[in-house]
Amino acid sequence: MSMVVLPTALRGAVRGGGGGPLLPSPSTLPPPGLGGSYVYDVPSAWQVPAVARAVQLYGGMTKQMAMDVYRGDTPLPRPPICRRPDPTRARSWFVQCAVEDYLMSGNTISLVTGRDSSGWPSSVQWLPANWVYIQWATGIYGNENDVDYFYLGQLLNYDDVIHVRRGADRTYPVRGVGVVEQHLDDLDRMAMEGEYERSSLSGGAVPSVAVITNTQTLTQDVADDAAVSWNAKFSGPQRVPVFLPNGTQVIPLGWSPTDAQLTEARKMSLTDCANMFNLDSYFLGAPVAGMTYRTAGPQYQQLLRTSLEPVLSDFEDVWSDAWLPRGQNIRFDRNQLLRDDLATTSTAMVALVGAGILTPEEARQYMASGSVDMPAAPIAVAAAEGEAGAPAPPEEPPAPPANGGPTP
């Protein structure tokens, strides 16, 4: 678990910061492979290929989407914090690390490092979830929320901490629960399957054939020479004839039934991992029977609706409340994921332009970038922000005089 409750005896050391980083000691963690414990924390779970694939799928798709700002349905100019939350890091890196911590550890922690003149955050820093500790309902630090966050032993300002949770630990509701903690036993089984296959290939290999001779007294030297001759003749790709004494038997050998089913077991593990991460098993390489042909658009639309949307909703709600003034909200641009192949997209753009929904220039922009930049009208933005001095709509021209004289 990435976030733990600090023992009472350690609270004084944490408050003073004299105890150093309160990280788990390597001596307290079970060594790999001892007693079947191959996955026991987040770093060890990363070594399971299916887990790495699932997390990279979430993080890689999310970091492609730009973060736009809206007031209701009206798009607003994108503030600097949405273009680059951490000025010292790329936005894509920041988003990917946040999603990875959310999935694996169940908690994404960031810290406000700068504020603008109105007090809203202008920059934030991602904090590794494994280095953050949460303490709840102590009341010893005067925090009215009764929740304290510690980063490497230092107490953080509660108002500067932004915490996105994946669900809630039913025994400790102030923290989320990651996939690793939720499915630790099954992940450990997957890692053991890989270790068993590795040990079978390295230390328990089965010879290709067994040669049984009709000689009652076969010395080891003669057997070794025969094995060398056999390998010299049949080690290459050629198939040459062999002549053996009468009564000699050549029996091909294969894997045991248990070893032969190892591949099938690993295929089922891919399906299990897909279920852990709420993914269609197709995206992790698991066999899928009866899957009809579909273009890229519907595939990603299903992935977006069933898998990514629950994750994006948590980040959009929490980051909107923490980063932006009331009434404004962050939305990830989903259009990047919903683009179809060129022929299908071109047909759709022609139809939208013909219906007057998009202009030819907007259609060209979508074909080039995958989204249409539709800035808010200046009057609408000024009215939404409550700014003074918004330009008034043009007045209608005065009616001509009734007597037919010249128009003033």
Protein backbone atom coordinates (compact mmCIF):
# COMPACT_ATOMS: atom_id res chain seq x y z
CA MET A 1 0.00 0.00 0.00
CA SER A 2 1.40 3.36 -0.90
CA MET A 3 -0.32 5.35 1.82
CA VAL A 4 -0.19 4.09 5.39
CA VAL A 5 -1.12 5.27 8.85
CA LEU A 6 1.85 6.46 10.86
CA PRO A 7 2.31 4.76 14.22
CA THR A 8 1.77 7.00 17.24
CA ALA A 9 5.41 6.68 18.25
CA LEU A 10 6.54 8.25 14.97
CA ARG A 11 4.32 11.32 15.01
CA GLY A 12 6.72 13.47 17.01
CA ALA A 13 9.62 12.62 14.72
CA VAL A 14 7.55 13.47 11.66
CA ARG A 15 6.44 16.79 13.11
CA GLY A 16 10.01 17.81 13.78
CA GLY A 17 11.33 16.30 10.59
CA GLY A 18 14.33 14.92 12.45
CA GLY A 19 13.57 11.30 11.75
CA GLY A 20 14.35 11.44 8.06
CA PRO A 21 12.17 9.98 5.30
CA LEU A 22 9.64 7.58 6.72
CA LEU A 23 9.87 5.05 3.90
CA PRO A 24 9.58 1.29 4.28
CA SER A 25 12.94 -0.26 5.02
CA PRO A 26 14.09 -2.87 2.48
CA SER A 27 14.64 -5.27 5.36
CA THR A 28 10.92 -5.18 6.21
CA LEU A 29 9.81 -6.20 2.71
CA PRO A 30 9.60 -9.88 1.75
CA PRO A 31 12.38 -10.81 -0.67
CA PRO A 32 11.26 -11.80 -4.18
CA GLY A 33 10.50 -15.47 -4.58
CA LEU A 34 10.35 -16.25 -0.84
CA GLY A 35 7.22 -18.12 0.16
CA GLY A 36 5.55 -17.38 -3.17
CA SER A 37 5.71 -13.59 -2.69
CA TYR A 38 6.66 -12.39 -6.15
CA VAL A 39 4.33 -9.35 -6.15
CA TYR A 40 4.10 -7.54 -2.84
CA ASP A 41 4.04 -3.82 -3.75
CA VAL A 42 3.66 -1.43 -6.68
CA PRO A 43 7.26 -1.68 -8.04
CA SER A 44 7.10 -5.49 -8.10
CA ALA A 45 3.70 -5.39 -9.83
CA TRP A 46 5.20 -3.26 -12.62
CA GLN A 47 7.29 -6.30 -13.62
CA VAL A 48 4.17 -8.20 -14.77
CA PRO A 49 3.98 -7.47 -18.54
CA ALA A 50 0.18 -7.33 -18.66
CA VAL A 51 0.12 -4.79 -15.83
CA ALA A 52 2.68 -2.59 -17.57
CA ARG A 53 0.66 -2.79 -20.79
CA ALA A 54 -2.61 -1.83 -19.07
CA VAL A 55 -1.10 1.12 -17.20
CA GLN A 56 0.71 2.41 -20.28
CA LEU A 57 -2.54 2.16 -22.22
CA TYR A 58 -4.33 4.40 -19.71
CA GLY A 59 -1.45 6.83 -19.28
CA GLY A 60 -0.52 6.97 -22.95
CA MET A 61 -4.06 7.70 -24.10
CA THR A 62 -4.79 10.26 -21.38
CA LYS A 63 -1.65 12.31 -21.92
CA GLN A 64 -2.56 12.74 -25.61
CA MET A 65 -5.68 14.71 -24.68
CA ALA A 66 -5.37 18.44 -24.18
CA MET A 67 -7.03 20.00 -21.12
CA ASP A 68 -9.59 22.63 -22.09
CA VAL A 69 -11.55 24.97 -19.81
CA TYR A 70 -15.30 25.57 -20.04
CA ARG A 71 -17.92 27.58 -18.23
CA GLY A 72 -20.98 25.47 -18.78
CA ASP A 73 -20.85 24.72 -22.51
CA THR A 74 -18.88 27.85 -23.37
CA PRO A 75 -15.19 27.28 -24.11
CA LEU A 76 -12.79 29.68 -22.38
CA PRO A 77 -9.17 30.57 -23.15
CA ARG A 78 -6.89 27.84 -21.86
CA PRO A 79 -4.99 29.06 -18.75
CA PRO A 80 -1.25 28.36 -18.38
CA ILE A 81 -1.79 25.76 -15.65
CA CYS A 82 -3.74 23.59 -18.11
CA ARG A 83 -1.08 23.95 -20.78
CA ARG A 84 1.77 23.12 -18.41
CA PRO A 85 0.80 22.36 -14.78
CA ASP A 86 4.44 22.02 -13.73
CA PRO A 87 6.59 24.61 -15.57
CA THR A 88 9.65 22.39 -15.15
CA ARG A 89 8.03 19.31 -16.68
CA ALA A 90 6.03 18.49 -19.79
CA ARG A 91 2.26 18.39 -19.46
CA SER A 92 2.16 14.89 -20.95
CA TRP A 93 4.64 13.64 -18.32
CA PHE A 94 2.64 15.21 -15.49
CA VAL A 95 -0.63 13.66 -16.66
CA GLN A 96 0.89 10.23 -17.26
CA CYS A 97 2.50 10.07 -13.80
CA ALA A 98 -0.78 11.15 -12.22
CA VAL A 99 -2.75 8.42 -14.00
CA GLU A 100 -0.15 5.75 -13.17
CA ASP A 101 -0.27 6.58 -9.46
CA TYR A 102 -4.07 6.65 -9.57
CA LEU A 103 -4.25 3.13 -11.00
CA MET A 104 -1.38 1.42 -9.23
CA SER A 105 -1.44 3.12 -5.82
CA GLY A 106 -5.01 4.40 -5.76
CA ASN A 107 -3.91 7.95 -4.91
CA THR A 108 -2.56 10.83 -6.97
CA ILE A 109 -0.94 13.61 -4.95
CA SER A 110 0.15 17.01 -6.25
CA LEU A 111 1.29 20.11 -4.40
CA VAL A 112 0.58 23.73 -5.27
CA THR A 113 3.90 25.49 -5.81
CA GLY A 114 2.68 28.88 -7.05
CA ARG A 115 -0.43 31.06 -6.98
CA ASP A 116 -1.54 34.04 -9.04
CA SER A 117 -2.66 37.42 -7.77
CA SER A 118 -6.19 36.13 -7.12
CA GLY A 119 -4.95 33.20 -5.06
CA TRP A 120 -5.66 30.41 -7.56
CA PRO A 121 -2.88 27.92 -8.37
CA SER A 122 -0.57 28.89 -11.22
CA SER A 123 1.72 25.82 -10.94
CA VAL A 124 1.63 22.42 -9.24
CA GLN A 125 4.13 19.65 -8.65
CA TRP A 126 3.49 15.92 -8.86
CA LEU A 127 4.50 13.98 -5.73
CA PRO A 128 5.20 10.21 -5.90
CA ALA A 129 2.43 8.45 -4.02
CA ASN A 130 4.91 6.04 -2.42
CA TRP A 131 6.59 8.99 -0.68
CA VAL A 132 3.38 10.50 0.73
CA TYR A 133 1.80 9.43 4.00
CA ILE A 134 -1.63 10.33 5.23
CA GLN A 135 -2.74 10.61 8.84
CA TRP A 136 -6.38 10.93 9.76
CA ALA A 137 -8.41 11.98 12.78
CA THR A 138 -5.52 12.79 15.07
CA GLY A 139 -6.34 16.42 15.87
CA ILE A 140 -2.84 17.05 17.19
CA TYR A 141 -1.75 19.52 14.52
CA GLY A 142 -4.72 21.85 14.64
CA ASN A 143 -5.98 20.85 11.19
CA GLU A 144 -9.72 21.41 11.06
CA ASN A 145 -10.02 18.68 8.42
CA ASP A 146 -8.30 16.14 10.70
CA VAL A 147 -6.24 14.94 7.73
CA ASP A 148 -2.49 15.50 7.54
CA TYR A 149 -0.19 14.77 4.59
CA PHE A 150 3.51 14.06 5.01
CA TYR A 151 6.05 14.09 2.20
CA LEU A 152 9.42 12.54 3.11
CA GLY A 153 8.68 13.18 6.75
CA GLN A 154 7.62 16.81 6.35
CA LEU A 155 4.12 18.00 7.14
CA LEU A 156 2.50 19.61 4.08
CA ASN A 157 0.13 22.56 4.07
CA TYR A 158 -3.30 21.01 3.73
CA ASP A 159 -4.59 23.81 1.48
CA ASP A 160 -1.78 23.16 -1.01
CA VAL A 161 -2.38 19.39 -1.31
CA ILE A 162 -4.49 18.12 -4.22
CA HIS A 163 -5.57 14.50 -3.70
CA VAL A 164 -7.32 12.40 -6.38
CA ARG A 165 -8.54 9.08 -4.96
CA ARG A 166 -9.46 5.86 -6.73
CA GLY A 167 -12.51 4.81 -4.75
CA ALA A 168 -12.09 4.61 -1.00
CA ASP A 169 -10.58 2.24 1.49
CA ARG A 170 -13.62 1.10 3.48
CA THR A 171 -11.52 0.85 6.65
CA TYR A 172 -9.70 4.16 6.05
CA PRO A 173 -11.90 6.33 3.79
CA VAL A 174 -9.48 9.23 3.36
CA ARG A 175 -7.30 7.19 1.01
CA GLY A 176 -8.00 5.40 -2.25
CA VAL A 177 -7.27 1.78 -3.17
CA GLY A 178 -5.08 0.88 -6.12
CA VAL A 179 -5.33 -2.10 -8.44
CA VAL A 180 -2.22 -3.68 -6.88
CA GLU A 181 -3.63 -3.62 -3.38
CA GLN A 182 -7.06 -4.75 -4.57
CA HIS A 183 -5.79 -7.73 -6.59
CA LEU A 184 -2.52 -8.57 -4.89
CA ASP A 185 -3.08 -12.35 -4.75
CA ASP A 186 -3.94 -12.66 -8.44
CA LEU A 187 -0.97 -10.51 -9.46
CA ASP A 188 1.29 -12.69 -7.35
CA ARG A 189 -0.06 -15.77 -9.15
CA MET A 190 0.71 -14.19 -12.53
CA ALA A 191 4.25 -13.46 -11.46
CA MET A 192 4.67 -17.03 -10.20
CA GLU A 193 3.58 -18.37 -13.59
CA GLY A 194 6.31 -16.36 -15.25
CA GLU A 195 8.88 -17.50 -12.68
CA TYR A 196 7.86 -21.15 -13.11
CA GLU A 197 8.27 -20.92 -16.87
CA ARG A 198 11.65 -19.23 -16.47
CA SER A 199 12.91 -21.91 -14.07
CA SER A 200 11.56 -24.68 -16.33
CA LEU A 201 13.42 -23.32 -19.32
CA SER A 202 16.66 -22.62 -17.46
CA GLY A 203 16.93 -25.53 -15.05
CA GLY A 204 14.36 -28.13 -15.97
CA ALA A 205 14.65 -28.54 -19.70
CA VAL A 206 13.43 -31.79 -21.25
CA PRO A 207 15.66 -33.50 -23.86
CA SER A 208 14.24 -33.82 -27.35
CA VAL A 209 14.57 -37.65 -27.60
CA ALA A 210 15.50 -40.66 -25.49
CA VAL A 211 17.64 -43.30 -27.23
CA ILE A 212 17.38 -46.78 -25.71
CA THR A 213 20.11 -49.11 -26.93
CA ASN A 214 20.06 -52.92 -27.05
CA THR A 215 23.41 -53.10 -25.28
CA GLN A 216 23.24 -54.36 -21.72
CA THR A 217 26.59 -52.89 -20.69
CA LEU A 218 26.81 -49.32 -22.08
CA THR A 219 29.62 -47.27 -20.60
CA GLN A 220 29.23 -43.56 -19.98
CA ASP A 221 32.06 -42.71 -22.38
CA VAL A 222 30.34 -44.55 -25.23
CA ALA A 223 27.01 -42.86 -24.40
CA ASP A 224 28.63 -39.40 -24.37
CA ASP A 225 30.33 -40.02 -27.71
CA ALA A 226 27.02 -41.17 -29.20
CA ALA A 227 25.30 -38.02 -27.90
CA VAL A 228 28.00 -35.81 -29.44
CA SER A 229 27.66 -37.59 -32.77
CA TRP A 230 23.85 -37.29 -32.63
CA ASN A 231 24.02 -33.54 -31.93
CA ALA A 232 26.61 -33.02 -34.68
CA LYS A 233 24.36 -34.72 -37.21
CA PHE A 234 20.96 -33.33 -36.21
CA SER A 235 21.72 -29.92 -34.67
CA GLY A 236 21.35 -28.11 -38.02
CA PRO A 237 18.29 -27.57 -40.20
CA GLN A 238 19.13 -30.47 -42.50
CA ARG A 239 17.45 -33.87 -42.20
CA VAL A 240 19.94 -36.66 -42.82
CA PRO A 241 19.45 -40.41 -42.48
CA VAL A 242 20.61 -42.24 -39.36
CA PHE A 243 21.54 -45.92 -39.01
CA LEU A 244 21.12 -47.54 -35.61
CA PRO A 245 21.81 -51.08 -34.30
CA ASN A 246 18.97 -53.55 -34.32
CA GLY A 247 16.72 -53.10 -31.28
CA THR A 248 17.55 -49.43 -30.67
CA GLN A 249 14.54 -47.31 -29.74
CA VAL A 250 14.28 -43.53 -30.34
CA ILE A 251 11.44 -42.02 -28.26
CA PRO A 252 10.58 -38.30 -28.76
CA LEU A 253 10.02 -36.50 -25.48
CA GLY A 254 7.77 -33.52 -24.79
CA TRP A 255 6.72 -31.31 -21.90
CA SER A 256 4.67 -32.73 -19.06
CA PRO A 257 0.92 -32.09 -19.20
CA THR A 258 1.34 -29.42 -16.50
CA ASP A 259 4.06 -27.64 -18.44
CA ALA A 260 2.14 -27.97 -21.69
CA GLN A 261 -0.82 -26.09 -20.12
CA LEU A 262 1.40 -23.25 -18.97
CA THR A 263 0.80 -21.26 -22.15
CA GLU A 264 -2.97 -21.59 -21.75
CA ALA A 265 -2.72 -20.48 -18.13
CA ARG A 266 -0.83 -17.34 -19.13
CA LYS A 267 -3.47 -16.55 -21.74
CA MET A 268 -6.12 -16.70 -19.04
CA SER A 269 -3.96 -14.45 -16.88
CA LEU A 270 -4.15 -11.80 -19.60
CA THR A 271 -7.94 -11.91 -19.33
CA ASP A 272 -7.73 -11.66 -15.54
CA CYS A 273 -5.47 -8.62 -15.80
CA ALA A 274 -7.82 -6.99 -18.29
CA ASN A 275 -10.68 -7.47 -15.82
CA MET A 276 -8.59 -5.92 -13.03
CA PHE A 277 -8.08 -2.76 -15.07
CA ASN A 278 -11.60 -2.69 -16.55
CA LEU A 279 -10.33 -3.24 -20.08
CA ASP A 280 -11.47 -5.34 -22.99
CA SER A 281 -9.09 -8.30 -23.05
CA TYR A 282 -8.42 -7.54 -26.72
CA PHE A 283 -6.27 -4.56 -25.70
CA LEU A 284 -3.94 -6.76 -23.64
CA GLY A 285 -3.41 -9.36 -26.35
CA ALA A 286 -5.70 -12.01 -24.88
CA PRO A 287 -7.54 -14.24 -27.37
CA VAL A 288 -11.05 -13.01 -28.15
CA ALA A 289 -13.44 -15.37 -29.93
CA GLY A 290 -16.13 -14.16 -32.29
CA MET A 291 -14.93 -10.58 -32.52
CA THR A 292 -16.28 -8.96 -35.68
CA TYR A 293 -14.30 -6.42 -37.68
CA ARG A 294 -14.67 -2.87 -36.46
CA THR A 295 -12.90 0.32 -37.42
CA ALA A 296 -10.67 2.22 -35.00
CA GLY A 297 -13.34 4.77 -34.07
CA PRO A 298 -15.83 2.37 -32.43
CA GLN A 299 -12.98 0.49 -30.73
CA TYR A 300 -11.67 3.58 -29.03
CA GLN A 301 -15.17 4.85 -28.32
CA GLN A 302 -15.89 1.69 -26.34
CA LEU A 303 -12.55 2.01 -24.53
CA LEU A 304 -13.29 5.65 -23.75
CA ARG A 305 -16.78 5.04 -22.40
CA THR A 306 -16.15 1.92 -20.32
CA SER A 307 -12.55 2.36 -19.16
CA LEU A 308 -11.21 5.90 -19.51
CA GLU A 309 -14.29 7.96 -18.63
CA PRO A 310 -14.41 6.87 -14.94
CA VAL A 311 -10.75 7.82 -14.56
CA LEU A 312 -11.06 11.11 -16.44
CA SER A 313 -14.10 12.10 -14.38
CA ASP A 314 -12.17 11.88 -11.12
CA PHE A 315 -9.32 14.03 -12.42
CA GLU A 316 -11.61 16.57 -14.10
CA ASP A 317 -13.71 17.11 -10.97
CA VAL A 318 -10.83 17.32 -8.48
CA TRP A 319 -8.52 19.42 -10.65
CA SER A 320 -11.36 21.77 -11.65
CA ASP A 321 -12.17 22.49 -8.00
CA ALA A 322 -8.52 22.90 -7.04
CA TRP A 323 -7.17 24.84 -10.04
CA LEU A 324 -9.97 27.06 -11.36
CA PRO A 325 -12.46 29.60 -10.02
CA ARG A 326 -15.96 28.43 -9.27
CA GLY A 327 -18.10 27.82 -12.32
CA GLN A 328 -15.19 26.79 -14.54
CA ASN A 329 -14.30 23.18 -15.20
CA ILE A 330 -11.56 21.19 -16.95
CA ARG A 331 -12.37 18.77 -19.75
CA PHE A 332 -9.97 16.45 -21.50
CA ASP A 333 -10.31 16.68 -25.27
CA ARG A 334 -11.68 13.28 -26.32
CA ASN A 335 -11.58 14.04 -30.05
CA GLN A 336 -7.98 12.88 -30.29
CA LEU A 337 -9.10 9.34 -29.40
CA LEU A 338 -12.21 9.26 -31.57
CA ARG A 339 -10.53 9.96 -34.89
CA ASP A 340 -11.23 7.29 -37.47
CA ASP A 341 -9.35 6.29 -40.60
CA LEU A 342 -8.80 8.91 -43.30
CA ALA A 343 -11.58 7.74 -45.62
CA THR A 344 -14.22 7.63 -42.86
CA THR A 345 -13.11 10.98 -41.40
CA SER A 346 -13.13 12.66 -44.81
CA THR A 347 -16.67 11.44 -45.52
CA ALA A 348 -17.86 12.76 -42.15
CA MET A 349 -16.20 16.16 -42.70
CA VAL A 350 -17.83 16.53 -46.12
CA ALA A 351 -21.22 15.77 -44.59
CA LEU A 352 -20.70 18.25 -41.72
CA VAL A 353 -19.58 21.01 -44.08
CA GLY A 354 -22.52 20.33 -46.39
CA ALA A 355 -24.93 20.56 -43.47
CA GLY A 356 -23.42 23.87 -42.38
CA ILE A 357 -22.26 22.54 -39.03
CA LEU A 358 -18.58 23.15 -39.82
CA THR A 359 -16.89 25.57 -42.15
CA PRO A 360 -14.34 24.28 -44.69
CA GLU A 361 -11.56 25.87 -42.63
CA GLU A 362 -12.73 24.10 -39.45
CA ALA A 363 -12.89 20.82 -41.36
CA ARG A 364 -9.31 21.31 -42.57
CA GLN A 365 -8.24 22.10 -39.02
CA TYR A 366 -9.87 18.93 -37.72
CA MET A 367 -8.22 16.81 -40.40
CA ALA A 368 -4.83 18.28 -39.45
CA SER A 369 -5.02 18.28 -35.64
CA GLY A 370 -7.95 16.05 -34.65
CA SER A 371 -9.91 18.86 -33.01
CA VAL A 372 -11.60 22.11 -33.90
CA ASP A 373 -10.40 25.21 -32.08
CA MET A 374 -13.59 27.03 -31.26
CA PRO A 375 -12.68 30.00 -29.02
CA ALA A 376 -15.44 31.70 -27.12
CA ALA A 377 -16.83 34.90 -28.53
CA PRO A 378 -15.32 37.95 -26.76
CA ILE A 379 -18.74 39.21 -25.66
CA ALA A 380 -19.69 35.80 -24.25
CA VAL A 381 -16.39 35.48 -22.40
CA ALA A 382 -16.64 38.98 -20.96
CA ALA A 383 -20.20 38.38 -19.83
CA ALA A 384 -19.29 35.02 -18.31
CA GLU A 385 -16.31 36.47 -16.46
CA GLY A 386 -18.25 39.55 -15.39
CA GLU A 387 -15.70 41.90 -16.97
CA ALA A 388 -16.49 45.57 -17.45
CA GLY A 389 -16.17 47.28 -20.75
CA ALA A 390 -17.46 44.48 -22.94
CA PRO A 391 -18.16 45.75 -26.43
CA ALA A 392 -21.82 46.45 -26.97
CA PRO A 393 -23.63 44.95 -29.97
CA PRO A 394 -23.90 47.30 -32.95
CA GLU A 395 -26.96 49.52 -33.00
CA GLU A 396 -29.49 49.21 -35.78
CA PRO A 397 -29.38 52.04 -38.37
CA PRO A 398 -32.01 54.75 -37.80
CA ALA A 399 -35.19 54.60 -39.85
CA PRO A 400 -35.49 57.10 -42.76
CA PRO A 401 -37.62 60.20 -42.03
CA ALA A 402 -41.29 60.01 -42.87
CA ASN A 403 -41.29 63.10 -45.12
CA GLY A 404 -38.78 61.52 -47.48
CA GLY A 405 -36.01 64.01 -46.63
CA PRO A 406 -32.33 63.09 -46.55
CA THR A 407 -31.23 60.50 -44.07
CA PRO A 408 -29.20 62.07 -41.20
